[in-house]
């Protein structure tokens, strides 16, 4: 018996993406949809696609989705900075400032 794994998720392309300067590094982000902003934070060792690929299209129907790849996995380069919640929280704040977003919900 053969089992195939197939996703029914709708994948969409970001309306914007790039690198935002944050505390001596550049954080990769992707933006989807419009509405009240929600920031998607990744789990360990994941990329945006791996962690949120199946949910972004649904969230983007009613929200402005900002997906981040913080230092380490994915597009954001690893650096010698101390890895801590404080560092990551400050990076998120810098990205939101760069994107001119005053407040957002967080999911992670």
PDB file of N, CA and C in Angstrom:
ATOM      1  N   UNK A   1       0.846  -1.170   0.000  1.00  0.00           N
ATOM      2  CA  UNK A   1       0.000   0.000   0.000  1.00  0.00           C
ATOM      3  C   UNK A   1       0.891   1.233   0.000  1.00  0.00           C
ATOM      4  N   UNK A   2       0.572   2.173  -0.849  1.00  0.00           N
ATOM      5  CA  UNK A   2       1.331   3.414  -0.946  1.00  0.00           C
ATOM      6  C   UNK A   2       0.513   4.549  -0.353  1.00  0.00           C
ATOM      7  N   UNK A   3       1.151   5.301   0.493  1.00  0.00           N
ATOM      8  CA  UNK A   3       0.495   6.451   1.093  1.00  0.00           C
ATOM      9  C   UNK A   3       1.162   7.697   0.543  1.00  0.00           C
ATOM     10  N   UNK A   4       0.357   8.606   0.030  1.00  0.00           N
ATOM     11  CA  UNK A   4       0.936   9.853  -0.474  1.00  0.00           C
ATOM     12  C   UNK A   4       0.535  10.989   0.447  1.00  0.00           C
ATOM     13  N   UNK A   5       1.456  11.858   0.640  1.00  0.00           N
ATOM     14  CA  UNK A   5       1.200  13.027   1.477  1.00  0.00           C
ATOM     15  C   UNK A   5       0.914  14.201   0.556  1.00  0.00           C
ATOM     16  N   UNK A   6      -0.239  14.788   0.712  1.00  0.00           N
ATOM     17  CA  UNK A   6      -0.615  15.888  -0.150  1.00  0.00           C
ATOM     18  C   UNK A   6      -1.289  16.957   0.691  1.00  0.00           C
ATOM     19  N   UNK A   7      -0.890  18.186   0.487  1.00  0.00           N
ATOM     20  CA  UNK A   7      -1.458  19.292   1.250  1.00  0.00           C
ATOM     21  C   UNK A   7      -2.552  19.964   0.441  1.00  0.00           C
ATOM     22  N   UNK A   8      -3.634  20.292   1.106  1.00  0.00           N
ATOM     23  CA  UNK A   8      -4.711  21.035   0.465  1.00  0.00           C
ATOM     24  C   UNK A   8      -4.570  22.525   0.706  1.00  0.00           C
ATOM     25  N   UNK A   9      -3.456  22.927   1.297  1.00  0.00           N
ATOM     26  CA  UNK A   9      -3.250  24.337   1.623  1.00  0.00           C
ATOM     27  C   UNK A   9      -3.107  25.160   0.354  1.00  0.00           C
ATOM     28  N   UNK A  10      -3.630  26.360   0.415  1.00  0.00           N
ATOM     29  CA  UNK A  10      -3.457  27.303  -0.685  1.00  0.00           C
ATOM     30  C   UNK A  10      -2.214  28.127  -0.389  1.00  0.00           C
ATOM     31  N   UNK A  11      -1.259  28.102  -1.272  1.00  0.00           N
ATOM     32  CA  UNK A  11      -0.051  28.886  -1.075  1.00  0.00           C
ATOM     33  C   UNK A  11      -0.164  30.160  -1.904  1.00  0.00           C
ATOM     34  N   UNK A  12       0.181  31.274  -1.305  1.00  0.00           N
ATOM     35  CA  UNK A  12       0.118  32.556  -1.990  1.00  0.00           C
ATOM     36  C   UNK A  12       1.491  33.201  -1.963  1.00  0.00           C
ATOM     37  N   UNK A  13       1.686  34.125  -2.860  1.00  0.00           N
ATOM     38  CA  UNK A  13       2.949  34.852  -2.917  1.00  0.00           C
ATOM     39  C   UNK A  13       2.851  36.090  -2.028  1.00  0.00           C
ATOM     40  N   UNK A  14       3.968  36.453  -1.388  1.00  0.00           N
ATOM     41  CA  UNK A  14       3.939  37.654  -0.555  1.00  0.00           C
ATOM     42  C   UNK A  14       3.744  38.910  -1.388  1.00  0.00           C
ATOM     43  N   UNK A  15       3.091  39.913  -0.794  1.00  0.00           N
ATOM     44  CA  UNK A  15       2.952  41.208  -1.448  1.00  0.00           C
ATOM     45  C   UNK A  15       4.205  42.045  -1.234  1.00  0.00           C
ATOM     46  N   UNK A  16       5.020  41.635  -0.289  1.00  0.00           N
ATOM     47  CA  UNK A  16       6.285  42.299  -0.030  1.00  0.00           C
ATOM     48  C   UNK A  16       7.197  41.370   0.729  1.00  0.00           C
ATOM     49  N   UNK A  17       8.493  41.532   0.526  1.00  0.00           N
ATOM     50  CA  UNK A  17       9.476  40.751   1.273  1.00  0.00           C
ATOM     51  C   UNK A  17      10.806  41.476   1.199  1.00  0.00           C
ATOM     52  N   UNK A  18      11.704  41.100   2.073  1.00  0.00           N
ATOM     53  CA  UNK A  18      13.024  41.707   2.063  1.00  0.00           C
ATOM     54  C   UNK A  18      13.717  41.532   3.382  1.00  0.00           C
ATOM     55  N   UNK A  19      14.687  42.401   3.617  1.00  0.00           N
ATOM     56  CA  UNK A  19      15.475  42.358   4.838  1.00  0.00           C
ATOM     57  C   UNK A  19      15.349  43.697   5.555  1.00  0.00           C
ATOM     58  N   UNK A  20      15.026  43.647   6.838  1.00  0.00           N
ATOM     59  CA  UNK A  20      14.919  44.849   7.658  1.00  0.00           C
ATOM     60  C   UNK A  20      16.132  44.919   8.583  1.00  0.00           C
ATOM     61  N   UNK A  21      16.785  46.085   8.671  1.00  0.00           N
ATOM     62  CA  UNK A  21      17.915  46.214   9.591  1.00  0.00           C
ATOM     63  C   UNK A  21      17.437  46.109  11.035  1.00  0.00           C
ATOM     64  N   UNK A  22      18.159  45.311  11.831  1.00  0.00           N
ATOM     65  CA  UNK A  22      17.758  45.114  13.221  1.00  0.00           C
ATOM     66  C   UNK A  22      18.974  44.771  14.073  1.00  0.00           C
ATOM     67  N   UNK A  23      19.402  45.723  14.864  1.00  0.00           N
ATOM     68  CA  UNK A  23      20.443  45.470  15.863  1.00  0.00           C
ATOM     69  C   UNK A  23      21.704  44.833  15.284  1.00  0.00           C
ATOM     70  N   UNK A  24      22.179  45.351  14.180  1.00  0.00           N
ATOM     71  CA  UNK A  24      23.425  44.866  13.594  1.00  0.00           C
ATOM     72  C   UNK A  24      23.284  43.680  12.667  1.00  0.00           C
ATOM     73  N   UNK A  25      22.072  43.244  12.407  1.00  0.00           N
ATOM     74  CA  UNK A  25      21.851  42.170  11.441  1.00  0.00           C
ATOM     75  C   UNK A  25      20.708  42.591  10.529  1.00  0.00           C
ATOM     76  N   UNK A  26      20.333  41.739   9.612  1.00  0.00           N
ATOM     77  CA  UNK A  26      19.195  41.994   8.734  1.00  0.00           C
ATOM     78  C   UNK A  26      18.239  40.820   8.866  1.00  0.00           C
ATOM     79  N   UNK A  27      16.997  41.125   9.224  1.00  0.00           N
ATOM     80  CA  UNK A  27      15.981  40.097   9.454  1.00  0.00           C
ATOM     81  C   UNK A  27      15.103  39.975   8.214  1.00  0.00           C
ATOM     82  N   UNK A  28      14.974  38.749   7.714  1.00  0.00           N
ATOM     83  CA  UNK A  28      14.139  38.492   6.541  1.00  0.00           C
ATOM     84  C   UNK A  28      12.661  38.474   6.947  1.00  0.00           C
ATOM     85  N   UNK A  29      11.831  39.099   6.117  1.00  0.00           N
ATOM     86  CA  UNK A  29      10.388  39.135   6.377  1.00  0.00           C
ATOM     87  C   UNK A  29       9.624  38.946   5.071  1.00  0.00           C
ATOM     88  N   UNK A  30       8.383  38.496   5.210  1.00  0.00           N
ATOM     89  CA  UNK A  30       7.430  38.431   4.104  1.00  0.00           C
ATOM     90  C   UNK A  30       6.119  39.014   4.601  1.00  0.00           C
ATOM     91  N   UNK A  31       5.412  39.745   3.732  1.00  0.00           N
ATOM     92  CA  UNK A  31       4.133  40.372   4.074  1.00  0.00           C
ATOM     93  C   UNK A  31       3.071  39.846   3.116  1.00  0.00           C
ATOM     94  N   UNK A  32       1.909  39.539   3.679  1.00  0.00           N
ATOM     95  CA  UNK A  32       0.768  39.025   2.919  1.00  0.00           C
ATOM     96  C   UNK A  32      -0.494  39.745   3.387  1.00  0.00           C
ATOM     97  N   UNK A  33      -1.435  39.953   2.496  1.00  0.00           N
ATOM     98  CA  UNK A  33      -2.767  40.423   2.854  1.00  0.00           C
ATOM     99  C   UNK A  33      -2.832  41.844   3.393  1.00  0.00           C
ATOM    100  N   UNK A  34      -4.040  42.204   3.846  1.00  0.00           N
ATOM    101  CA  UNK A  34      -4.316  43.530   4.402  1.00  0.00           C
ATOM    102  C   UNK A  34      -5.203  43.368   5.624  1.00  0.00           C
ATOM    103  N   UNK A  35      -5.169  44.358   6.478  1.00  0.00           N
ATOM    104  CA  UNK A  35      -5.989  44.345   7.684  1.00  0.00           C
ATOM    105  C   UNK A  35      -5.139  44.544   8.912  1.00  0.00           C
ATOM    106  N   UNK A  36      -5.688  44.149  10.058  1.00  0.00           N
ATOM    107  CA  UNK A  36      -4.965  44.281  11.320  1.00  0.00           C
ATOM    108  C   UNK A  36      -3.726  43.377  11.277  1.00  0.00           C
ATOM    109  N   UNK A  37      -2.531  43.926  11.581  1.00  0.00           N
ATOM    110  CA  UNK A  37      -1.299  43.136  11.464  1.00  0.00           C
ATOM    111  C   UNK A  37      -1.202  42.007  12.497  1.00  0.00           C
ATOM    112  N   UNK A  38      -0.660  40.891  12.030  1.00  0.00           N
ATOM    113  CA  UNK A  38      -0.288  39.783  12.895  1.00  0.00           C
ATOM    114  C   UNK A  38       1.113  39.340  12.494  1.00  0.00           C
ATOM    115  N   UNK A  39       1.984  39.199  13.466  1.00  0.00           N
ATOM    116  CA  UNK A  39       3.364  38.779  13.224  1.00  0.00           C
ATOM    117  C   UNK A  39       3.467  37.295  13.550  1.00  0.00           C
ATOM    118  N   UNK A  40       3.995  36.527  12.602  1.00  0.00           N
ATOM    119  CA  UNK A  40       4.190  35.093  12.795  1.00  0.00           C
ATOM    120  C   UNK A  40       5.657  34.834  13.123  1.00  0.00           C
ATOM    121  N   UNK A  41       5.888  34.270  14.290  1.00  0.00           N
ATOM    122  CA  UNK A  41       7.232  33.927  14.736  1.00  0.00           C
ATOM    123  C   UNK A  41       7.447  32.436  14.539  1.00  0.00           C
ATOM    124  N   UNK A  42       8.628  32.066  14.138  1.00  0.00           N
ATOM    125  CA  UNK A  42       8.911  30.677  13.798  1.00  0.00           C
ATOM    126  C   UNK A  42       9.296  29.839  14.997  1.00  0.00           C
ATOM    127  N   UNK A  43       9.062  28.543  14.863  1.00  0.00           N
ATOM    128  CA  UNK A  43       9.605  27.586  15.816  1.00  0.00           C
ATOM    129  C   UNK A  43      11.065  27.330  15.482  1.00  0.00           C
ATOM    130  N   UNK A  44      11.731  26.598  16.311  1.00  0.00           N
ATOM    131  CA  UNK A  44      13.161  26.334  16.131  1.00  0.00           C
ATOM    132  C   UNK A  44      13.429  25.624  14.809  1.00  0.00           C
ATOM    133  N   UNK A  45      14.456  26.063  14.122  1.00  0.00           N
ATOM    134  CA  UNK A  45      14.980  25.422  12.916  1.00  0.00           C
ATOM    135  C   UNK A  45      13.999  25.390  11.754  1.00  0.00           C
ATOM    136  N   UNK A  46      13.052  26.310  11.721  1.00  0.00           N
ATOM    137  CA  UNK A  46      12.051  26.339  10.654  1.00  0.00           C
ATOM    138  C   UNK A  46      12.209  27.570   9.773  1.00  0.00           C
ATOM    139  N   UNK A  47      11.694  27.453   8.573  1.00  0.00           N
ATOM    140  CA  UNK A  47      11.551  28.595   7.677  1.00  0.00           C
ATOM    141  C   UNK A  47      10.081  29.019   7.706  1.00  0.00           C
ATOM    142  N   UNK A  48       9.789  30.143   7.080  1.00  0.00           N
ATOM    143  CA  UNK A  48       8.397  30.596   7.015  1.00  0.00           C
ATOM    144  C   UNK A  48       7.519  29.511   6.392  1.00  0.00           C
ATOM    145  N   UNK A  49       7.951  28.970   5.283  1.00  0.00           N
ATOM    146  CA  UNK A  49       7.169  27.954   4.577  1.00  0.00           C
ATOM    147  C   UNK A  49       6.957  26.715   5.443  1.00  0.00           C
ATOM    148  N   UNK A  50       8.018  26.248   6.095  1.00  0.00           N
ATOM    149  CA  UNK A  50       7.907  25.042   6.913  1.00  0.00           C
ATOM    150  C   UNK A  50       6.963  25.231   8.097  1.00  0.00           C
ATOM    151  N   UNK A  51       7.023  26.398   8.724  1.00  0.00           N
ATOM    152  CA  UNK A  51       6.259  26.632   9.945  1.00  0.00           C
ATOM    153  C   UNK A  51       4.834  27.110   9.667  1.00  0.00           C
ATOM    154  N   UNK A  52       4.672  28.013   8.716  1.00  0.00           N
ATOM    155  CA  UNK A  52       3.385  28.685   8.530  1.00  0.00           C
ATOM    156  C   UNK A  52       2.771  28.512   7.142  1.00  0.00           C
ATOM    157  N   UNK A  53       3.408  27.765   6.263  1.00  0.00           N
ATOM    158  CA  UNK A  53       2.964  27.663   4.876  1.00  0.00           C
ATOM    159  C   UNK A  53       1.504  27.324   4.685  1.00  0.00           C
ATOM    160  N   UNK A  54       0.964  26.482   5.554  1.00  0.00           N
ATOM    161  CA  UNK A  54      -0.428  26.059   5.390  1.00  0.00           C
ATOM    162  C   UNK A  54      -1.430  27.029   6.011  1.00  0.00           C
ATOM    163  N   UNK A  55      -0.972  27.996   6.785  1.00  0.00           N
ATOM    164  CA  UNK A  55      -1.886  28.916   7.453  1.00  0.00           C
ATOM    165  C   UNK A  55      -1.896  30.330   6.875  1.00  0.00           C
ATOM    166  N   UNK A  56      -0.829  30.711   6.201  1.00  0.00           N
ATOM    167  CA  UNK A  56      -0.704  32.094   5.743  1.00  0.00           C
ATOM    168  C   UNK A  56      -1.862  32.512   4.844  1.00  0.00           C
ATOM    169  N   UNK A  57      -2.217  31.692   3.870  1.00  0.00           N
ATOM    170  CA  UNK A  57      -3.291  32.069   2.937  1.00  0.00           C
ATOM    171  C   UNK A  57      -4.603  32.339   3.668  1.00  0.00           C
ATOM    172  N   UNK A  58      -4.917  31.518   4.642  1.00  0.00           N
ATOM    173  CA  UNK A  58      -6.165  31.697   5.403  1.00  0.00           C
ATOM    174  C   UNK A  58      -6.103  32.966   6.259  1.00  0.00           C
ATOM    175  N   UNK A  59      -4.988  33.170   6.952  1.00  0.00           N
ATOM    176  CA  UNK A  59      -4.839  34.374   7.772  1.00  0.00           C
ATOM    177  C   UNK A  59      -4.878  35.643   6.927  1.00  0.00           C
ATOM    178  N   UNK A  60      -4.282  35.589   5.746  1.00  0.00           N
ATOM    179  CA  UNK A  60      -4.181  36.771   4.880  1.00  0.00           C
ATOM    180  C   UNK A  60      -5.515  37.195   4.283  1.00  0.00           C
ATOM    181  N   UNK A  61      -6.549  36.388   4.429  1.00  0.00           N
ATOM    182  CA  UNK A  61      -7.878  36.779   3.948  1.00  0.00           C
ATOM    183  C   UNK A  61      -8.422  37.967   4.732  1.00  0.00           C
ATOM    184  N   UNK A  62      -8.023  38.082   6.006  1.00  0.00           N
ATOM    185  CA  UNK A  62      -8.569  39.145   6.849  1.00  0.00           C
ATOM    186  C   UNK A  62      -7.502  39.928   7.611  1.00  0.00           C
ATOM    187  N   UNK A  63      -6.243  39.546   7.480  1.00  0.00           N
ATOM    188  CA  UNK A  63      -5.174  40.169   8.268  1.00  0.00           C
ATOM    189  C   UNK A  63      -3.985  40.525   7.377  1.00  0.00           C
ATOM    190  N   UNK A  64      -3.217  41.495   7.824  1.00  0.00           N
ATOM    191  CA  UNK A  64      -1.904  41.766   7.238  1.00  0.00           C
ATOM    192  C   UNK A  64      -0.936  40.857   7.984  1.00  0.00           C
ATOM    193  N   UNK A  65      -0.409  39.871   7.301  1.00  0.00           N
ATOM    194  CA  UNK A  65       0.454  38.864   7.901  1.00  0.00           C
ATOM    195  C   UNK A  65       1.907  39.248   7.661  1.00  0.00           C
ATOM    196  N   UNK A  66       2.667  39.340   8.738  1.00  0.00           N
ATOM    197  CA  UNK A  66       4.104  39.613   8.647  1.00  0.00           C
ATOM    198  C   UNK A  66       4.809  38.389   9.211  1.00  0.00           C
ATOM    199  N   UNK A  67       5.442  37.627   8.342  1.00  0.00           N
ATOM    200  CA  UNK A  67       6.143  36.417   8.756  1.00  0.00           C
ATOM    201  C   UNK A  67       7.638  36.729   8.819  1.00  0.00           C
ATOM    202  N   UNK A  68       8.264  36.362   9.936  1.00  0.00           N
ATOM    203  CA  UNK A  68       9.676  36.672  10.148  1.00  0.00           C
ATOM    204  C   UNK A  68      10.503  35.404  10.260  1.00  0.00           C
ATOM    205  N   UNK A  69      11.715  35.476   9.751  1.00  0.00           N
ATOM    206  CA  UNK A  69      12.722  34.444   9.995  1.00  0.00           C
ATOM    207  C   UNK A  69      13.807  35.110  10.833  1.00  0.00           C
ATOM    208  N   UNK A  70      13.767  34.867  12.135  1.00  0.00           N
ATOM    209  CA  UNK A  70      14.750  35.466  13.019  1.00  0.00           C
ATOM    210  C   UNK A  70      16.100  34.783  12.837  1.00  0.00           C
ATOM    211  N   UNK A  71      17.092  35.281  13.508  1.00  0.00           N
ATOM    212  CA  UNK A  71      18.481  34.847  13.330  1.00  0.00           C
ATOM    213  C   UNK A  71      18.640  33.333  13.377  1.00  0.00           C
ATOM    214  N   UNK A  72      19.348  32.799  12.398  1.00  0.00           N
ATOM    215  CA  UNK A  72      19.660  31.379  12.382  1.00  0.00           C
ATOM    216  C   UNK A  72      19.099  30.661  11.179  1.00  0.00           C
ATOM    217  N   UNK A  73      17.865  30.125  11.263  1.00  0.00           N
ATOM    218  CA  UNK A  73      17.343  29.349  10.142  1.00  0.00           C
ATOM    219  C   UNK A  73      16.845  30.246   9.012  1.00  0.00           C
ATOM    220  N   UNK A  74      16.741  29.670   7.851  1.00  0.00           N
ATOM    221  CA  UNK A  74      16.151  30.402   6.728  1.00  0.00           C
ATOM    222  C   UNK A  74      17.066  31.460   6.146  1.00  0.00           C
ATOM    223  N   UNK A  75      16.479  32.585   5.779  1.00  0.00           N
ATOM    224  CA  UNK A  75      17.176  33.641   5.061  1.00  0.00           C
ATOM    225  C   UNK A  75      18.014  34.557   5.950  1.00  0.00           C
ATOM    226  N   UNK A  76      17.651  34.699   7.222  1.00  0.00           N
ATOM    227  CA  UNK A  76      18.366  35.611   8.110  1.00  0.00           C
ATOM    228  C   UNK A  76      19.677  34.954   8.542  1.00  0.00           C
ATOM    229  N   UNK A  77      20.783  35.642   8.295  1.00  0.00           N
ATOM    230  CA  UNK A  77      22.082  35.028   8.606  1.00  0.00           C
ATOM    231  C   UNK A  77      22.321  34.905  10.109  1.00  0.00           C
ATOM    232  N   UNK A  78      23.078  33.897  10.460  1.00  0.00           N
ATOM    233  CA  UNK A  78      23.510  33.734  11.839  1.00  0.00           C
ATOM    234  C   UNK A  78      24.603  34.764  12.104  1.00  0.00           C
ATOM    235  N   UNK A  79      24.666  35.274  13.330  1.00  0.00           N
ATOM    236  CA  UNK A  79      25.716  36.215  13.693  1.00  0.00           C
ATOM    237  C   UNK A  79      26.259  35.842  15.063  1.00  0.00           C
ATOM    238  N   UNK A  80      27.190  36.603  15.520  1.00  0.00           N
ATOM    239  CA  UNK A  80      27.814  36.348  16.818  1.00  0.00           C
ATOM    240  C   UNK A  80      27.009  36.926  17.977  1.00  0.00           C
ATOM    241  N   UNK A  81      25.870  37.523  17.689  1.00  0.00           N
ATOM    242  CA  UNK A  81      25.057  38.104  18.756  1.00  0.00           C
ATOM    243  C   UNK A  81      24.564  37.021  19.698  1.00  0.00           C
ATOM    244  N   UNK A  82      24.324  37.402  20.948  1.00  0.00           N
ATOM    245  CA  UNK A  82      23.766  36.482  21.930  1.00  0.00           C
ATOM    246  C   UNK A  82      22.333  36.123  21.527  1.00  0.00           C
ATOM    247  N   UNK A  83      22.049  34.843  21.496  1.00  0.00           N
ATOM    248  CA  UNK A  83      20.696  34.386  21.203  1.00  0.00           C
ATOM    249  C   UNK A  83      19.892  34.403  22.494  1.00  0.00           C
ATOM    250  N   UNK A  84      18.906  35.248  22.533  1.00  0.00           N
ATOM    251  CA  UNK A  84      18.067  35.347  23.731  1.00  0.00           C
ATOM    252  C   UNK A  84      16.693  35.872  23.334  1.00  0.00           C
ATOM    253  N   UNK A  85      15.741  35.700  24.211  1.00  0.00           N
ATOM    254  CA  UNK A  85      14.397  36.232  23.967  1.00  0.00           C
ATOM    255  C   UNK A  85      14.438  37.747  23.840  1.00  0.00           C
ATOM    256  N   UNK A  86      15.294  38.380  24.648  1.00  0.00           N
ATOM    257  CA  UNK A  86      15.410  39.839  24.615  1.00  0.00           C
ATOM    258  C   UNK A  86      15.917  40.304  23.253  1.00  0.00           C
ATOM    259  N   UNK A  87      16.934  39.631  22.737  1.00  0.00           N
ATOM    260  CA  UNK A  87      17.481  39.979  21.424  1.00  0.00           C
ATOM    261  C   UNK A  87      16.421  39.794  20.343  1.00  0.00           C
ATOM    262  N   UNK A  88      15.736  38.663  20.361  1.00  0.00           N
ATOM    263  CA  UNK A  88      14.722  38.395  19.351  1.00  0.00           C
ATOM    264  C   UNK A  88      13.563  39.387  19.456  1.00  0.00           C
ATOM    265  N   UNK A  89      13.132  39.706  20.673  1.00  0.00           N
ATOM    266  CA  UNK A  89      12.045  40.680  20.854  1.00  0.00           C
ATOM    267  C   UNK A  89      12.448  42.037  20.294  1.00  0.00           C
ATOM    268  N   UNK A  90      13.684  42.437  20.520  1.00  0.00           N
ATOM    269  CA  UNK A  90      14.161  43.704  19.984  1.00  0.00           C
ATOM    270  C   UNK A  90      14.223  43.668  18.460  1.00  0.00           C
ATOM    271  N   UNK A  91      14.615  42.522  17.896  1.00  0.00           N
ATOM    272  CA  UNK A  91      14.631  42.385  16.434  1.00  0.00           C
ATOM    273  C   UNK A  91      13.223  42.540  15.859  1.00  0.00           C
ATOM    274  N   UNK A  92      12.233  41.921  16.495  1.00  0.00           N
ATOM    275  CA  UNK A  92      10.841  42.045  16.031  1.00  0.00           C
ATOM    276  C   UNK A  92      10.421  43.510  16.079  1.00  0.00           C
ATOM    277  N   UNK A  93      10.734  44.183  17.155  1.00  0.00           N
ATOM    278  CA  UNK A  93      10.401  45.606  17.293  1.00  0.00           C
ATOM    279  C   UNK A  93      11.037  46.427  16.169  1.00  0.00           C
ATOM    280  N   UNK A  94      12.298  46.156  15.841  1.00  0.00           N
ATOM    281  CA  UNK A  94      12.991  46.896  14.776  1.00  0.00           C
ATOM    282  C   UNK A  94      12.355  46.630  13.415  1.00  0.00           C
ATOM    283  N   UNK A  95      11.954  45.398  13.158  1.00  0.00           N
ATOM    284  CA  UNK A  95      11.296  45.083  11.883  1.00  0.00           C
ATOM    285  C   UNK A  95       9.970  45.829  11.788  1.00  0.00           C
ATOM    286  N   UNK A  96       9.185  45.828  12.855  1.00  0.00           N
ATOM    287  CA  UNK A  96       7.906  46.545  12.829  1.00  0.00           C
ATOM    288  C   UNK A  96       8.133  48.038  12.633  1.00  0.00           C
ATOM    289  N   UNK A  97       9.152  48.602  13.260  1.00  0.00           N
ATOM    290  CA  UNK A  97       9.485  50.017  13.033  1.00  0.00           C
ATOM    291  C   UNK A  97       9.841  50.255  11.569  1.00  0.00           C
ATOM    292  N   UNK A  98      10.638  49.359  10.996  1.00  0.00           N
ATOM    293  CA  UNK A  98      11.058  49.466   9.602  1.00  0.00           C
ATOM    294  C   UNK A  98       9.846  49.431   8.661  1.00  0.00           C
ATOM    295  N   UNK A  99       8.874  48.597   9.000  1.00  0.00           N
ATOM    296  CA  UNK A  99       7.661  48.458   8.176  1.00  0.00           C
ATOM    297  C   UNK A  99       6.589  49.486   8.542  1.00  0.00           C
ATOM    298  N   UNK A 100       6.903  50.362   9.503  1.00  0.00           N
ATOM    299  CA  UNK A 100       5.990  51.420   9.944  1.00  0.00           C
ATOM    300  C   UNK A 100       4.678  50.857  10.490  1.00  0.00           C
ATOM    301  N   UNK A 101       4.798  49.831  11.335  1.00  0.00           N
ATOM    302  CA  UNK A 101       3.645  49.220  11.979  1.00  0.00           C
ATOM    303  C   UNK A 101       3.739  49.526  13.463  1.00  0.00           C
ATOM    304  N   UNK A 102       2.723  50.247  13.978  1.00  0.00           N
ATOM    305  CA  UNK A 102       2.733  50.672  15.380  1.00  0.00           C
ATOM    306  C   UNK A 102       2.425  49.546  16.361  1.00  0.00           C
ATOM    307  N   UNK A 103       1.526  48.653  16.007  1.00  0.00           N
ATOM    308  CA  UNK A 103       1.188  47.553  16.891  1.00  0.00           C
ATOM    309  C   UNK A 103       0.700  46.378  16.063  1.00  0.00           C
ATOM    310  N   UNK A 104       0.848  45.193  16.635  1.00  0.00           N
ATOM    311  CA  UNK A 104       0.439  43.984  15.929  1.00  0.00           C
ATOM    312  C   UNK A 104       0.205  42.882  16.949  1.00  0.00           C
ATOM    313  N   UNK A 105      -0.617  41.929  16.568  1.00  0.00           N
ATOM    314  CA  UNK A 105      -0.748  40.700  17.354  1.00  0.00           C
ATOM    315  C   UNK A 105       0.447  39.814  17.008  1.00  0.00           C
ATOM    316  N   UNK A 106       0.811  38.931  17.933  1.00  0.00           N
ATOM    317  CA  UNK A 106       1.918  37.996  17.710  1.00  0.00           C
ATOM    318  C   UNK A 106       1.415  36.568  17.814  1.00  0.00           C
ATOM    319  N   UNK A 107       1.950  35.700  16.961  1.00  0.00           N
ATOM    320  CA  UNK A 107       1.658  34.270  17.054  1.00  0.00           C
ATOM    321  C   UNK A 107       2.976  33.534  16.871  1.00  0.00           C
ATOM    322  N   UNK A 108       3.187  32.536  17.704  1.00  0.00           N
ATOM    323  CA  UNK A 108       4.443  31.796  17.580  1.00  0.00           C
ATOM    324  C   UNK A 108       4.405  30.528  18.384  1.00  0.00           C
TER     325      UNK A 108
END
